[in-house]
Amino acid sequence: MHYQSTLSIFLFLATSISAQTRCDPVASAIPTCGVPCIQSAASSVGCGGTDYSCRCTNSAAIQNGALGCVVGNCGIATALQVQASASAVCACVTGAARI
Protein backbone atom coordinates (compact mmCIF):
# COMPACT_ATOMS: atom_id res chain seq x y z
CA MET A 1 0.00 0.00 0.00
CA HIS A 2 2.83 2.41 0.89
CA TYR A 3 4.54 1.55 -2.41
CA GLN A 4 1.40 2.43 -4.36
CA SER A 5 1.08 5.81 -2.61
CA THR A 6 4.73 6.59 -3.24
CA LEU A 7 4.37 5.63 -6.90
CA SER A 8 1.28 7.84 -7.27
CA ILE A 9 3.11 10.82 -5.76
CA PHE A 10 6.12 10.22 -8.01
CA LEU A 11 3.95 10.03 -11.14
CA PHE A 12 2.12 13.22 -10.16
CA LEU A 13 5.40 15.08 -9.63
CA ALA A 14 6.88 13.75 -12.85
CA THR A 15 3.80 14.89 -14.78
CA SER A 16 3.93 18.34 -13.18
CA ILE A 17 7.62 18.76 -13.95
CA SER A 18 7.07 17.53 -17.50
CA ALA A 19 4.24 20.05 -17.99
CA GLN A 20 6.44 22.87 -16.73
CA THR A 21 9.39 21.93 -18.92
CA ARG A 22 7.34 21.26 -22.02
CA CYS A 23 5.27 24.41 -21.61
CA ASP A 24 8.12 26.86 -20.92
CA PRO A 25 8.40 27.83 -24.62
CA VAL A 26 4.63 28.44 -24.78
CA ALA A 27 4.74 30.55 -21.63
CA SER A 28 7.61 32.61 -23.01
CA ALA A 29 5.24 33.81 -25.76
CA ILE A 30 3.14 35.75 -23.21
CA PRO A 31 3.68 39.46 -23.92
CA THR A 32 6.16 40.77 -21.35
CA CYS A 33 3.92 43.66 -20.32
CA GLY A 34 1.47 41.15 -18.80
CA VAL A 35 3.94 38.85 -17.07
CA PRO A 36 4.31 40.83 -13.80
CA CYS A 37 0.52 41.12 -13.58
CA ILE A 38 0.05 37.38 -13.98
CA GLN A 39 2.85 36.63 -11.52
CA SER A 40 1.32 38.90 -8.89
CA ALA A 41 -2.18 37.48 -9.35
CA ALA A 42 -0.83 33.91 -9.34
CA SER A 43 1.10 34.60 -6.15
CA SER A 44 -2.03 35.95 -4.49
CA VAL A 45 -3.76 32.58 -4.99
CA GLY A 46 -0.73 30.59 -3.84
CA CYS A 47 0.84 29.61 -7.17
CA GLY A 48 4.61 29.81 -7.39
CA GLY A 49 6.90 30.90 -10.22
CA THR A 50 6.36 28.49 -13.09
CA ASP A 51 3.73 26.26 -11.49
CA TYR A 52 1.59 26.23 -14.62
CA SER A 53 -0.69 23.49 -13.29
CA CYS A 54 -1.59 25.65 -10.29
CA ARG A 55 -2.05 28.70 -12.49
CA CYS A 56 -4.38 26.84 -14.85
CA THR A 57 -6.38 25.32 -12.01
CA ASN A 58 -6.86 28.83 -10.61
CA SER A 59 -7.11 30.61 -13.97
CA ALA A 60 -10.43 32.37 -13.28
CA ALA A 61 -9.14 33.95 -10.07
CA ILE A 62 -5.83 34.85 -11.71
CA GLN A 63 -7.57 36.42 -14.71
CA ASN A 64 -9.79 38.47 -12.42
CA GLY A 65 -6.81 39.57 -10.34
CA ALA A 66 -4.59 40.42 -13.31
CA LEU A 67 -7.11 42.03 -15.67
CA GLY A 68 -6.79 45.67 -14.60
CA CYS A 69 -3.00 45.46 -14.42
CA VAL A 70 -2.71 43.78 -17.83
CA VAL A 71 -4.99 46.33 -19.53
CA GLY A 72 -3.13 49.17 -17.83
CA ASN A 73 0.32 47.84 -18.73
CA CYS A 74 -0.45 46.48 -22.19
CA GLY A 75 -3.52 48.19 -23.63
CA ILE A 76 -6.60 46.36 -24.86
CA ALA A 77 -5.16 44.80 -28.03
CA THR A 78 -2.11 43.32 -26.30
CA ALA A 79 -4.20 42.32 -23.27
CA LEU A 80 -6.15 40.05 -25.63
CA GLN A 81 -2.84 38.53 -26.75
CA VAL A 82 -1.89 37.99 -23.10
CA GLN A 83 -5.19 36.16 -22.54
CA ALA A 84 -4.73 34.00 -25.65
CA SER A 85 -1.15 33.16 -24.67
CA ALA A 86 -2.18 32.22 -21.13
CA SER A 87 -4.89 29.97 -22.57
CA ALA A 88 -2.26 28.34 -24.79
CA VAL A 89 -0.16 27.59 -21.70
CA CYS A 90 -3.13 25.84 -20.08
CA ALA A 91 -3.77 23.87 -23.27
CA CYS A 92 -0.12 22.80 -23.15
CA VAL A 93 -0.40 21.79 -19.49
CA THR A 94 -3.51 19.74 -20.24
CA GLY A 95 -1.77 18.05 -23.16
CA ALA A 96 1.39 17.36 -21.15
CA ALA A 97 -0.65 15.81 -18.34
CA ARG A 98 -2.06 13.25 -20.78
CA ILE A 99 1.35 11.94 -21.75
PDB file of N, CA and C in Angstrom:
ATOM      1  N   MET A   1       0.824  -1.186   0.000  1.00  0.00           N
ATOM      2  CA  MET A   1       0.000   0.000   0.000  1.00  0.00           C
ATOM      3  C   MET A   1       0.870   1.253   0.000  1.00  0.00           C
ATOM      4  N   HIS A   2       1.922   1.259   0.834  1.00  0.00           N
ATOM      5  CA  HIS A   2       2.826   2.408   0.891  1.00  0.00           C
ATOM      6  C   HIS A   2       3.511   2.604  -0.461  1.00  0.00           C
ATOM      7  N   TYR A   3       3.886   1.494  -1.104  1.00  0.00           N
ATOM      8  CA  TYR A   3       4.535   1.549  -2.408  1.00  0.00           C
ATOM      9  C   TYR A   3       3.630   2.222  -3.429  1.00  0.00           C
ATOM     10  N   GLN A   4       2.353   1.863  -3.407  1.00  0.00           N
ATOM     11  CA  GLN A   4       1.396   2.428  -4.356  1.00  0.00           C
ATOM     12  C   GLN A   4       1.241   3.933  -4.140  1.00  0.00           C
ATOM     13  N   SER A   5       1.184   4.380  -2.912  1.00  0.00           N
ATOM     14  CA  SER A   5       1.081   5.808  -2.615  1.00  0.00           C
ATOM     15  C   SER A   5       2.324   6.550  -3.080  1.00  0.00           C
ATOM     16  N   THR A   6       3.482   5.969  -2.823  1.00  0.00           N
ATOM     17  CA  THR A   6       4.733   6.590  -3.242  1.00  0.00           C
ATOM     18  C   THR A   6       4.797   6.681  -4.758  1.00  0.00           C
ATOM     19  N   LEU A   7       4.378   5.636  -5.442  1.00  0.00           N
ATOM     20  CA  LEU A   7       4.371   5.631  -6.898  1.00  0.00           C
ATOM     21  C   LEU A   7       3.420   6.697  -7.431  1.00  0.00           C
ATOM     22  N   SER A   8       2.252   6.833  -6.840  1.00  0.00           N
ATOM     23  CA  SER A   8       1.284   7.844  -7.270  1.00  0.00           C
ATOM     24  C   SER A   8       1.854   9.248  -7.117  1.00  0.00           C
ATOM     25  N   ILE A   9       2.505   9.501  -5.998  1.00  0.00           N
ATOM     26  CA  ILE A   9       3.109  10.820  -5.765  1.00  0.00           C
ATOM     27  C   ILE A   9       4.213  11.070  -6.784  1.00  0.00           C
ATOM     28  N   PHE A  10       5.041  10.069  -7.035  1.00  0.00           N
ATOM     29  CA  PHE A  10       6.119  10.215  -8.008  1.00  0.00           C
ATOM     30  C   PHE A  10       5.563  10.521  -9.394  1.00  0.00           C
ATOM     31  N   LEU A  11       4.538   9.796  -9.814  1.00  0.00           N
ATOM     32  CA  LEU A  11       3.952  10.027 -11.137  1.00  0.00           C
ATOM     33  C   LEU A  11       3.336  11.416 -11.238  1.00  0.00           C
ATOM     34  N   PHE A  12       2.685  11.871 -10.172  1.00  0.00           N
ATOM     35  CA  PHE A  12       2.116  13.219 -10.162  1.00  0.00           C
ATOM     36  C   PHE A  12       3.214  14.264 -10.318  1.00  0.00           C
ATOM     37  N   LEU A  13       4.295  14.118  -9.551  1.00  0.00           N
ATOM     38  CA  LEU A  13       5.399  15.078  -9.626  1.00  0.00           C
ATOM     39  C   LEU A  13       6.075  15.040 -10.992  1.00  0.00           C
ATOM     40  N   ALA A  14       6.253  13.867 -11.537  1.00  0.00           N
ATOM     41  CA  ALA A  14       6.881  13.748 -12.854  1.00  0.00           C
ATOM     42  C   ALA A  14       6.022  14.414 -13.918  1.00  0.00           C
ATOM     43  N   THR A  15       4.716  14.250 -13.836  1.00  0.00           N
ATOM     44  CA  THR A  15       3.805  14.887 -14.782  1.00  0.00           C
ATOM     45  C   THR A  15       3.852  16.396 -14.634  1.00  0.00           C
ATOM     46  N   SER A  16       3.873  16.894 -13.408  1.00  0.00           N
ATOM     47  CA  SER A  16       3.930  18.339 -13.177  1.00  0.00           C
ATOM     48  C   SER A  16       5.222  18.933 -13.714  1.00  0.00           C
ATOM     49  N   ILE A  17       6.336  18.267 -13.462  1.00  0.00           N
ATOM     50  CA  ILE A  17       7.624  18.757 -13.951  1.00  0.00           C
ATOM     51  C   ILE A  17       7.656  18.715 -15.472  1.00  0.00           C
ATOM     52  N   SER A  18       7.120  17.644 -16.049  1.00  0.00           N
ATOM     53  CA  SER A  18       7.066  17.530 -17.501  1.00  0.00           C
ATOM     54  C   SER A  18       6.237  18.651 -18.099  1.00  0.00           C
ATOM     55  N   ALA A  19       5.101  18.969 -17.489  1.00  0.00           N
ATOM     56  CA  ALA A  19       4.243  20.049 -17.986  1.00  0.00           C
ATOM     57  C   ALA A  19       4.984  21.374 -17.935  1.00  0.00           C
ATOM     58  N   GLN A  20       5.704  21.611 -16.854  1.00  0.00           N
ATOM     59  CA  GLN A  20       6.435  22.870 -16.732  1.00  0.00           C
ATOM     60  C   GLN A  20       7.520  22.969 -17.789  1.00  0.00           C
ATOM     61  N   THR A  21       8.292  21.919 -17.958  1.00  0.00           N
ATOM     62  CA  THR A  21       9.392  21.935 -18.915  1.00  0.00           C
ATOM     63  C   THR A  21       8.876  22.047 -20.341  1.00  0.00           C
ATOM     64  N   ARG A  22       7.882  21.270 -20.671  1.00  0.00           N
ATOM     65  CA  ARG A  22       7.341  21.264 -22.024  1.00  0.00           C
ATOM     66  C   ARG A  22       6.633  22.561 -22.360  1.00  0.00           C
ATOM     67  N   CYS A  23       6.083  23.225 -21.364  1.00  0.00           N
ATOM     68  CA  CYS A  23       5.272  24.414 -21.609  1.00  0.00           C
ATOM     69  C   CYS A  23       6.046  25.717 -21.446  1.00  0.00           C
ATOM     70  N   ASP A  24       7.311  25.648 -21.044  1.00  0.00           N
ATOM     71  CA  ASP A  24       8.122  26.864 -20.923  1.00  0.00           C
ATOM     72  C   ASP A  24       8.162  27.673 -22.220  1.00  0.00           C
ATOM     73  N   PRO A  25       8.376  27.034 -23.387  1.00  0.00           N
ATOM     74  CA  PRO A  25       8.396  27.828 -24.623  1.00  0.00           C
ATOM     75  C   PRO A  25       7.051  28.506 -24.914  1.00  0.00           C
ATOM     76  N   VAL A  26       5.963  27.850 -24.575  1.00  0.00           N
ATOM     77  CA  VAL A  26       4.635  28.435 -24.782  1.00  0.00           C
ATOM     78  C   VAL A  26       4.458  29.625 -23.847  1.00  0.00           C
ATOM     79  N   ALA A  27       4.869  29.462 -22.604  1.00  0.00           N
ATOM     80  CA  ALA A  27       4.741  30.546 -21.626  1.00  0.00           C
ATOM     81  C   ALA A  27       5.603  31.743 -21.998  1.00  0.00           C
ATOM     82  N   SER A  28       6.732  31.500 -22.641  1.00  0.00           N
ATOM     83  CA  SER A  28       7.608  32.614 -23.013  1.00  0.00           C
ATOM     84  C   SER A  28       6.995  33.489 -24.100  1.00  0.00           C
ATOM     85  N   ALA A  29       5.924  33.024 -24.732  1.00  0.00           N
ATOM     86  CA  ALA A  29       5.238  33.813 -25.759  1.00  0.00           C
ATOM     87  C   ALA A  29       4.266  34.830 -25.159  1.00  0.00           C
ATOM     88  N   ILE A  30       4.020  34.766 -23.851  1.00  0.00           N
ATOM     89  CA  ILE A  30       3.137  35.747 -23.210  1.00  0.00           C
ATOM     90  C   ILE A  30       3.808  37.115 -23.314  1.00  0.00           C
ATOM     91  N   PRO A  31       3.090  38.121 -23.829  1.00  0.00           N
ATOM     92  CA  PRO A  31       3.683  39.459 -23.919  1.00  0.00           C
ATOM     93  C   PRO A  31       4.238  39.912 -22.567  1.00  0.00           C
ATOM     94  N   THR A  32       5.446  40.439 -22.587  1.00  0.00           N
ATOM     95  CA  THR A  32       6.156  40.771 -21.352  1.00  0.00           C
ATOM     96  C   THR A  32       5.439  41.805 -20.496  1.00  0.00           C
ATOM     97  N   CYS A  33       4.625  42.651 -21.111  1.00  0.00           N
ATOM     98  CA  CYS A  33       3.916  43.665 -20.321  1.00  0.00           C
ATOM     99  C   CYS A  33       2.915  43.035 -19.358  1.00  0.00           C
ATOM    100  N   GLY A  34       2.455  41.809 -19.649  1.00  0.00           N
ATOM    101  CA  GLY A  34       1.474  41.150 -18.799  1.00  0.00           C
ATOM    102  C   GLY A  34       2.055  40.199 -17.776  1.00  0.00           C
ATOM    103  N   VAL A  35       3.319  39.850 -17.946  1.00  0.00           N
ATOM    104  CA  VAL A  35       3.944  38.852 -17.069  1.00  0.00           C
ATOM    105  C   VAL A  35       3.926  39.257 -15.595  1.00  0.00           C
ATOM    106  N   PRO A  36       4.333  40.488 -15.223  1.00  0.00           N
ATOM    107  CA  PRO A  36       4.308  40.829 -13.796  1.00  0.00           C
ATOM    108  C   PRO A  36       2.895  40.807 -13.216  1.00  0.00           C
ATOM    109  N   CYS A  37       1.911  41.136 -14.032  1.00  0.00           N
ATOM    110  CA  CYS A  37       0.519  41.121 -13.579  1.00  0.00           C
ATOM    111  C   CYS A  37       0.067  39.695 -13.273  1.00  0.00           C
ATOM    112  N   ILE A  38       0.404  38.780 -14.168  1.00  0.00           N
ATOM    113  CA  ILE A  38       0.047  37.375 -13.980  1.00  0.00           C
ATOM    114  C   ILE A  38       0.789  36.806 -12.777  1.00  0.00           C
ATOM    115  N   GLN A  39       2.072  37.135 -12.655  1.00  0.00           N
ATOM    116  CA  GLN A  39       2.854  36.632 -11.525  1.00  0.00           C
ATOM    117  C   GLN A  39       2.270  37.105 -10.197  1.00  0.00           C
ATOM    118  N   SER A  40       1.885  38.361 -10.127  1.00  0.00           N
ATOM    119  CA  SER A  40       1.317  38.904  -8.894  1.00  0.00           C
ATOM    120  C   SER A  40      -0.014  38.241  -8.565  1.00  0.00           C
ATOM    121  N   ALA A  41      -0.875  38.111  -9.573  1.00  0.00           N
ATOM    122  CA  ALA A  41      -2.182  37.483  -9.352  1.00  0.00           C
ATOM    123  C   ALA A  41      -2.023  36.008  -8.999  1.00  0.00           C
ATOM    124  N   ALA A  42      -1.075  35.327  -9.641  1.00  0.00           N
ATOM    125  CA  ALA A  42      -0.826  33.914  -9.340  1.00  0.00           C
ATOM    126  C   ALA A  42      -0.316  33.756  -7.914  1.00  0.00           C
ATOM    127  N   SER A  43       0.575  34.634  -7.514  1.00  0.00           N
ATOM    128  CA  SER A  43       1.104  34.598  -6.151  1.00  0.00           C
ATOM    129  C   SER A  43       0.000  34.804  -5.121  1.00  0.00           C
ATOM    130  N   SER A  44      -0.955  35.657  -5.443  1.00  0.00           N
ATOM    131  CA  SER A  44      -2.033  35.947  -4.491  1.00  0.00           C
ATOM    132  C   SER A  44      -2.959  34.758  -4.263  1.00  0.00           C
ATOM    133  N   VAL A  45      -2.961  33.787  -5.200  1.00  0.00           N
ATOM    134  CA  VAL A  45      -3.763  32.582  -4.995  1.00  0.00           C
ATOM    135  C   VAL A  45      -2.899  31.388  -4.601  1.00  0.00           C
ATOM    136  N   GLY A  46      -1.606  31.641  -4.342  1.00  0.00           N
ATOM    137  CA  GLY A  46      -0.730  30.591  -3.836  1.00  0.00           C
ATOM    138  C   GLY A  46       0.040  29.810  -4.881  1.00  0.00           C
ATOM    139  N   CYS A  47       0.092  30.302  -6.115  1.00  0.00           N
ATOM    140  CA  CYS A  47       0.838  29.608  -7.166  1.00  0.00           C
ATOM    141  C   CYS A  47       2.231  30.204  -7.287  1.00  0.00           C
ATOM    142  N   GLY A  48       3.232  29.356  -7.291  1.00  0.00           N
ATOM    143  CA  GLY A  48       4.605  29.815  -7.391  1.00  0.00           C
ATOM    144  C   GLY A  48       5.055  30.009  -8.820  1.00  0.00           C
ATOM    145  N   GLY A  49       6.216  30.600  -8.965  1.00  0.00           N
ATOM    146  CA  GLY A  49       6.905  30.905 -10.216  1.00  0.00           C
ATOM    147  C   GLY A  49       6.353  30.314 -11.492  1.00  0.00           C
ATOM    148  N   THR A  50       6.791  29.124 -11.840  1.00  0.00           N
ATOM    149  CA  THR A  50       6.360  28.492 -13.087  1.00  0.00           C
ATOM    150  C   THR A  50       5.455  27.291 -12.834  1.00  0.00           C
ATOM    151  N   ASP A  51       4.665  27.353 -11.790  1.00  0.00           N
ATOM    152  CA  ASP A  51       3.730  26.263 -11.492  1.00  0.00           C
ATOM    153  C   ASP A  51       2.503  26.434 -12.378  1.00  0.00           C
ATOM    154  N   TYR A  52       2.649  26.031 -13.642  1.00  0.00           N
ATOM    155  CA  TYR A  52       1.587  26.226 -14.615  1.00  0.00           C
ATOM    156  C   TYR A  52       0.330  25.446 -14.256  1.00  0.00           C
ATOM    157  N   SER A  53       0.489  24.277 -13.684  1.00  0.00           N
ATOM    158  CA  SER A  53      -0.687  23.491 -13.288  1.00  0.00           C
ATOM    159  C   SER A  53      -1.527  24.258 -12.282  1.00  0.00           C
ATOM    160  N   CYS A  54      -0.886  24.854 -11.291  1.00  0.00           N
ATOM    161  CA  CYS A  54      -1.591  25.653 -10.290  1.00  0.00           C
ATOM    162  C   CYS A  54      -2.249  26.858 -10.943  1.00  0.00           C
ATOM    163  N   ARG A  55      -1.510  27.511 -11.822  1.00  0.00           N
ATOM    164  CA  ARG A  55      -2.048  28.699 -12.490  1.00  0.00           C
ATOM    165  C   ARG A  55      -3.274  28.357 -13.329  1.00  0.00           C
ATOM    166  N   CYS A  56      -3.246  27.222 -14.001  1.00  0.00           N
ATOM    167  CA  CYS A  56      -4.378  26.844 -14.846  1.00  0.00           C
ATOM    168  C   CYS A  56      -5.570  26.395 -14.010  1.00  0.00           C
ATOM    169  N   THR A  57      -5.301  25.716 -12.910  1.00  0.00           N
ATOM    170  CA  THR A  57      -6.380  25.321 -12.010  1.00  0.00           C
ATOM    171  C   THR A  57      -7.081  26.541 -11.432  1.00  0.00           C
ATOM    172  N   ASN A  58      -6.328  27.600 -11.203  1.00  0.00           N
ATOM    173  CA  ASN A  58      -6.860  28.834 -10.612  1.00  0.00           C
ATOM    174  C   ASN A  58      -6.982  29.959 -11.637  1.00  0.00           C
ATOM    175  N   SER A  59      -7.160  29.607 -12.897  1.00  0.00           N
ATOM    176  CA  SER A  59      -7.111  30.610 -13.966  1.00  0.00           C
ATOM    177  C   SER A  59      -8.173  31.692 -13.836  1.00  0.00           C
ATOM    178  N   ALA A  60      -9.374  31.350 -13.401  1.00  0.00           N
ATOM    179  CA  ALA A  60     -10.427  32.372 -13.279  1.00  0.00           C
ATOM    180  C   ALA A  60     -10.036  33.432 -12.254  1.00  0.00           C
ATOM    181  N   ALA A  61      -9.550  33.004 -11.108  1.00  0.00           N
ATOM    182  CA  ALA A  61      -9.142  33.952 -10.067  1.00  0.00           C
ATOM    183  C   ALA A  61      -7.937  34.774 -10.524  1.00  0.00           C
ATOM    184  N   ILE A  62      -7.020  34.139 -11.225  1.00  0.00           N
ATOM    185  CA  ILE A  62      -5.835  34.851 -11.707  1.00  0.00           C
ATOM    186  C   ILE A  62      -6.224  35.868 -12.777  1.00  0.00           C
ATOM    187  N   GLN A  63      -7.109  35.479 -13.684  1.00  0.00           N
ATOM    188  CA  GLN A  63      -7.570  36.422 -14.707  1.00  0.00           C
ATOM    189  C   GLN A  63      -8.246  37.624 -14.068  1.00  0.00           C
ATOM    190  N   ASN A  64      -9.113  37.365 -13.104  1.00  0.00           N
ATOM    191  CA  ASN A  64      -9.792  38.475 -12.421  1.00  0.00           C
ATOM    192  C   ASN A  64      -8.795  39.381 -11.711  1.00  0.00           C
ATOM    193  N   GLY A  65      -7.800  38.793 -11.076  1.00  0.00           N
ATOM    194  CA  GLY A  65      -6.811  39.570 -10.345  1.00  0.00           C
ATOM    195  C   GLY A  65      -5.843  40.328 -11.236  1.00  0.00           C
ATOM    196  N   ALA A  66      -5.581  39.807 -12.426  1.00  0.00           N
ATOM    197  CA  ALA A  66      -4.591  40.417 -13.315  1.00  0.00           C
ATOM    198  C   ALA A  66      -5.190  41.373 -14.339  1.00  0.00           C
ATOM    199  N   LEU A  67      -6.477  41.307 -14.559  1.00  0.00           N
ATOM    200  CA  LEU A  67      -7.106  42.035 -15.665  1.00  0.00           C
ATOM    201  C   LEU A  67      -6.778  43.522 -15.704  1.00  0.00           C
ATOM    202  N   GLY A  68      -7.032  44.227 -14.620  1.00  0.00           N
ATOM    203  CA  GLY A  68      -6.786  45.669 -14.597  1.00  0.00           C
ATOM    204  C   GLY A  68      -5.330  46.005 -14.849  1.00  0.00           C
ATOM    205  N   CYS A  69      -4.447  45.254 -14.252  1.00  0.00           N
ATOM    206  CA  CYS A  69      -3.004  45.456 -14.424  1.00  0.00           C
ATOM    207  C   CYS A  69      -2.593  45.205 -15.873  1.00  0.00           C
ATOM    208  N   VAL A  70      -3.078  44.122 -16.458  1.00  0.00           N
ATOM    209  CA  VAL A  70      -2.713  43.781 -17.835  1.00  0.00           C
ATOM    210  C   VAL A  70      -3.201  44.857 -18.800  1.00  0.00           C
ATOM    211  N   VAL A  71      -4.450  45.285 -18.652  1.00  0.00           N
ATOM    212  CA  VAL A  71      -4.986  46.326 -19.533  1.00  0.00           C
ATOM    213  C   VAL A  71      -4.203  47.624 -19.346  1.00  0.00           C
ATOM    214  N   GLY A  72      -3.896  47.962 -18.102  1.00  0.00           N
ATOM    215  CA  GLY A  72      -3.131  49.174 -17.829  1.00  0.00           C
ATOM    216  C   GLY A  72      -1.718  49.131 -18.379  1.00  0.00           C
ATOM    217  N   ASN A  73      -1.064  47.983 -18.260  1.00  0.00           N
ATOM    218  CA  ASN A  73       0.319  47.843 -18.729  1.00  0.00           C
ATOM    219  C   ASN A  73       0.425  47.630 -20.233  1.00  0.00           C
ATOM    220  N   CYS A  74      -0.574  46.950 -20.808  1.00  0.00           N
ATOM    221  CA  CYS A  74      -0.450  46.482 -22.189  1.00  0.00           C
ATOM    222  C   CYS A  74      -1.384  47.163 -23.184  1.00  0.00           C
ATOM    223  N   GLY A  75      -2.486  47.720 -22.711  1.00  0.00           N
ATOM    224  CA  GLY A  75      -3.517  48.190 -23.634  1.00  0.00           C
ATOM    225  C   GLY A  75      -4.433  47.036 -24.006  1.00  0.00           C
ATOM    226  N   ILE A  76      -5.580  47.373 -24.569  1.00  0.00           N
ATOM    227  CA  ILE A  76      -6.604  46.359 -24.855  1.00  0.00           C
ATOM    228  C   ILE A  76      -6.118  45.311 -25.860  1.00  0.00           C
ATOM    229  N   ALA A  77      -5.555  45.747 -26.979  1.00  0.00           N
ATOM    230  CA  ALA A  77      -5.159  44.799 -28.028  1.00  0.00           C
ATOM    231  C   ALA A  77      -4.142  43.782 -27.513  1.00  0.00           C
ATOM    232  N   THR A  78      -3.133  44.244 -26.813  1.00  0.00           N
ATOM    233  CA  THR A  78      -2.113  43.325 -26.304  1.00  0.00           C
ATOM    234  C   THR A  78      -2.650  42.512 -25.138  1.00  0.00           C
ATOM    235  N   ALA A  79      -3.579  43.079 -24.366  1.00  0.00           N
ATOM    236  CA  ALA A  79      -4.202  42.321 -23.274  1.00  0.00           C
ATOM    237  C   ALA A  79      -4.905  41.085 -23.824  1.00  0.00           C
ATOM    238  N   LEU A  80      -5.511  41.207 -24.993  1.00  0.00           N
ATOM    239  CA  LEU A  80      -6.150  40.047 -25.625  1.00  0.00           C
ATOM    240  C   LEU A  80      -5.103  39.005 -26.022  1.00  0.00           C
ATOM    241  N   GLN A  81      -3.931  39.453 -26.437  1.00  0.00           N
ATOM    242  CA  GLN A  81      -2.840  38.526 -26.747  1.00  0.00           C
ATOM    243  C   GLN A  81      -2.342  37.827 -25.483  1.00  0.00           C
ATOM    244  N   VAL A  82      -2.292  38.578 -24.384  1.00  0.00           N
ATOM    245  CA  VAL A  82      -1.889  37.985 -23.101  1.00  0.00           C
ATOM    246  C   VAL A  82      -2.865  36.875 -22.732  1.00  0.00           C
ATOM    247  N   GLN A  83      -4.166  37.155 -22.875  1.00  0.00           N
ATOM    248  CA  GLN A  83      -5.187  36.159 -22.539  1.00  0.00           C
ATOM    249  C   GLN A  83      -5.054  34.925 -23.433  1.00  0.00           C
ATOM    250  N   ALA A  84      -4.870  35.136 -24.732  1.00  0.00           N
ATOM    251  CA  ALA A  84      -4.727  34.004 -25.653  1.00  0.00           C
ATOM    252  C   ALA A  84      -3.473  33.185 -25.334  1.00  0.00           C
ATOM    253  N   SER A  85      -2.393  33.856 -25.012  1.00  0.00           N
ATOM    254  CA  SER A  85      -1.145  33.155 -24.675  1.00  0.00           C
ATOM    255  C   SER A  85      -1.285  32.360 -23.383  1.00  0.00           C
ATOM    256  N   ALA A  86      -1.957  32.938 -22.395  1.00  0.00           N
ATOM    257  CA  ALA A  86      -2.181  32.224 -21.133  1.00  0.00           C
ATOM    258  C   ALA A  86      -3.054  30.995 -21.364  1.00  0.00           C
ATOM    259  N   SER A  87      -4.046  31.125 -22.235  1.00  0.00           N
ATOM    260  CA  SER A  87      -4.894  29.973 -22.574  1.00  0.00           C
ATOM    261  C   SER A  87      -4.075  28.890 -23.272  1.00  0.00           C
ATOM    262  N   ALA A  88      -3.128  29.301 -24.106  1.00  0.00           N
ATOM    263  CA  ALA A  88      -2.262  28.335 -24.788  1.00  0.00           C
ATOM    264  C   ALA A  88      -1.390  27.574 -23.791  1.00  0.00           C
ATOM    265  N   VAL A  89      -0.947  28.261 -22.742  1.00  0.00           N
ATOM    266  CA  VAL A  89      -0.160  27.587 -21.697  1.00  0.00           C
ATOM    267  C   VAL A  89      -1.014  26.507 -21.041  1.00  0.00           C
ATOM    268  N   CYS A  90      -2.257  26.833 -20.723  1.00  0.00           N
ATOM    269  CA  CYS A  90      -3.133  25.840 -20.080  1.00  0.00           C
ATOM    270  C   CYS A  90      -3.435  24.677 -21.019  1.00  0.00           C
ATOM    271  N   ALA A  91      -3.577  24.954 -22.309  1.00  0.00           N
ATOM    272  CA  ALA A  91      -3.768  23.867 -23.270  1.00  0.00           C
ATOM    273  C   ALA A  91      -2.531  22.969 -23.300  1.00  0.00           C
ATOM    274  N   CYS A  92      -1.365  23.566 -23.202  1.00  0.00           N
ATOM    275  CA  CYS A  92      -0.117  22.805 -23.152  1.00  0.00           C
ATOM    276  C   CYS A  92      -0.058  21.940 -21.893  1.00  0.00           C
ATOM    277  N   VAL A  93      -0.418  22.529 -20.760  1.00  0.00           N
ATOM    278  CA  VAL A  93      -0.405  21.791 -19.489  1.00  0.00           C
ATOM    279  C   VAL A  93      -1.350  20.601 -19.571  1.00  0.00           C
ATOM    280  N   THR A  94      -2.532  20.814 -20.109  1.00  0.00           N
ATOM    281  CA  THR A  94      -3.514  19.739 -20.237  1.00  0.00           C
ATOM    282  C   THR A  94      -2.977  18.641 -21.147  1.00  0.00           C
ATOM    283  N   GLY A  95      -2.355  19.022 -22.246  1.00  0.00           N
ATOM    284  CA  GLY A  95      -1.772  18.047 -23.162  1.00  0.00           C
ATOM    285  C   GLY A  95      -0.608  17.300 -22.546  1.00  0.00           C
ATOM    286  N   ALA A  96       0.235  17.995 -21.797  1.00  0.00           N
ATOM    287  CA  ALA A  96       1.393  17.359 -21.153  1.00  0.00           C
ATOM    288  C   ALA A  96       0.954  16.386 -20.075  1.00  0.00           C
ATOM    289  N   ALA A  97      -0.160  16.681 -19.412  1.00  0.00           N
ATOM    290  CA  ALA A  97      -0.646  15.807 -18.344  1.00  0.00           C
ATOM    291  C   ALA A  97      -1.167  14.489 -18.900  1.00  0.00           C
ATOM    292  N   ARG A  98      -1.532  14.468 -20.167  1.00  0.00           N
ATOM    293  CA  ARG A  98      -2.064  13.250 -20.785  1.00  0.00           C
ATOM    294  C   ARG A  98      -0.977  12.292 -21.225  1.00  0.00           C
ATOM    295  N   ILE A  99       0.241  12.784 -21.258  1.00  0.00           N
ATOM    296  CA  ILE A  99       1.348  11.943 -21.753  1.00  0.00           C
ATOM    297  C   ILE A  99       1.797  10.969 -20.693  1.00  0.00           C
TER     298      ILE A  99
END
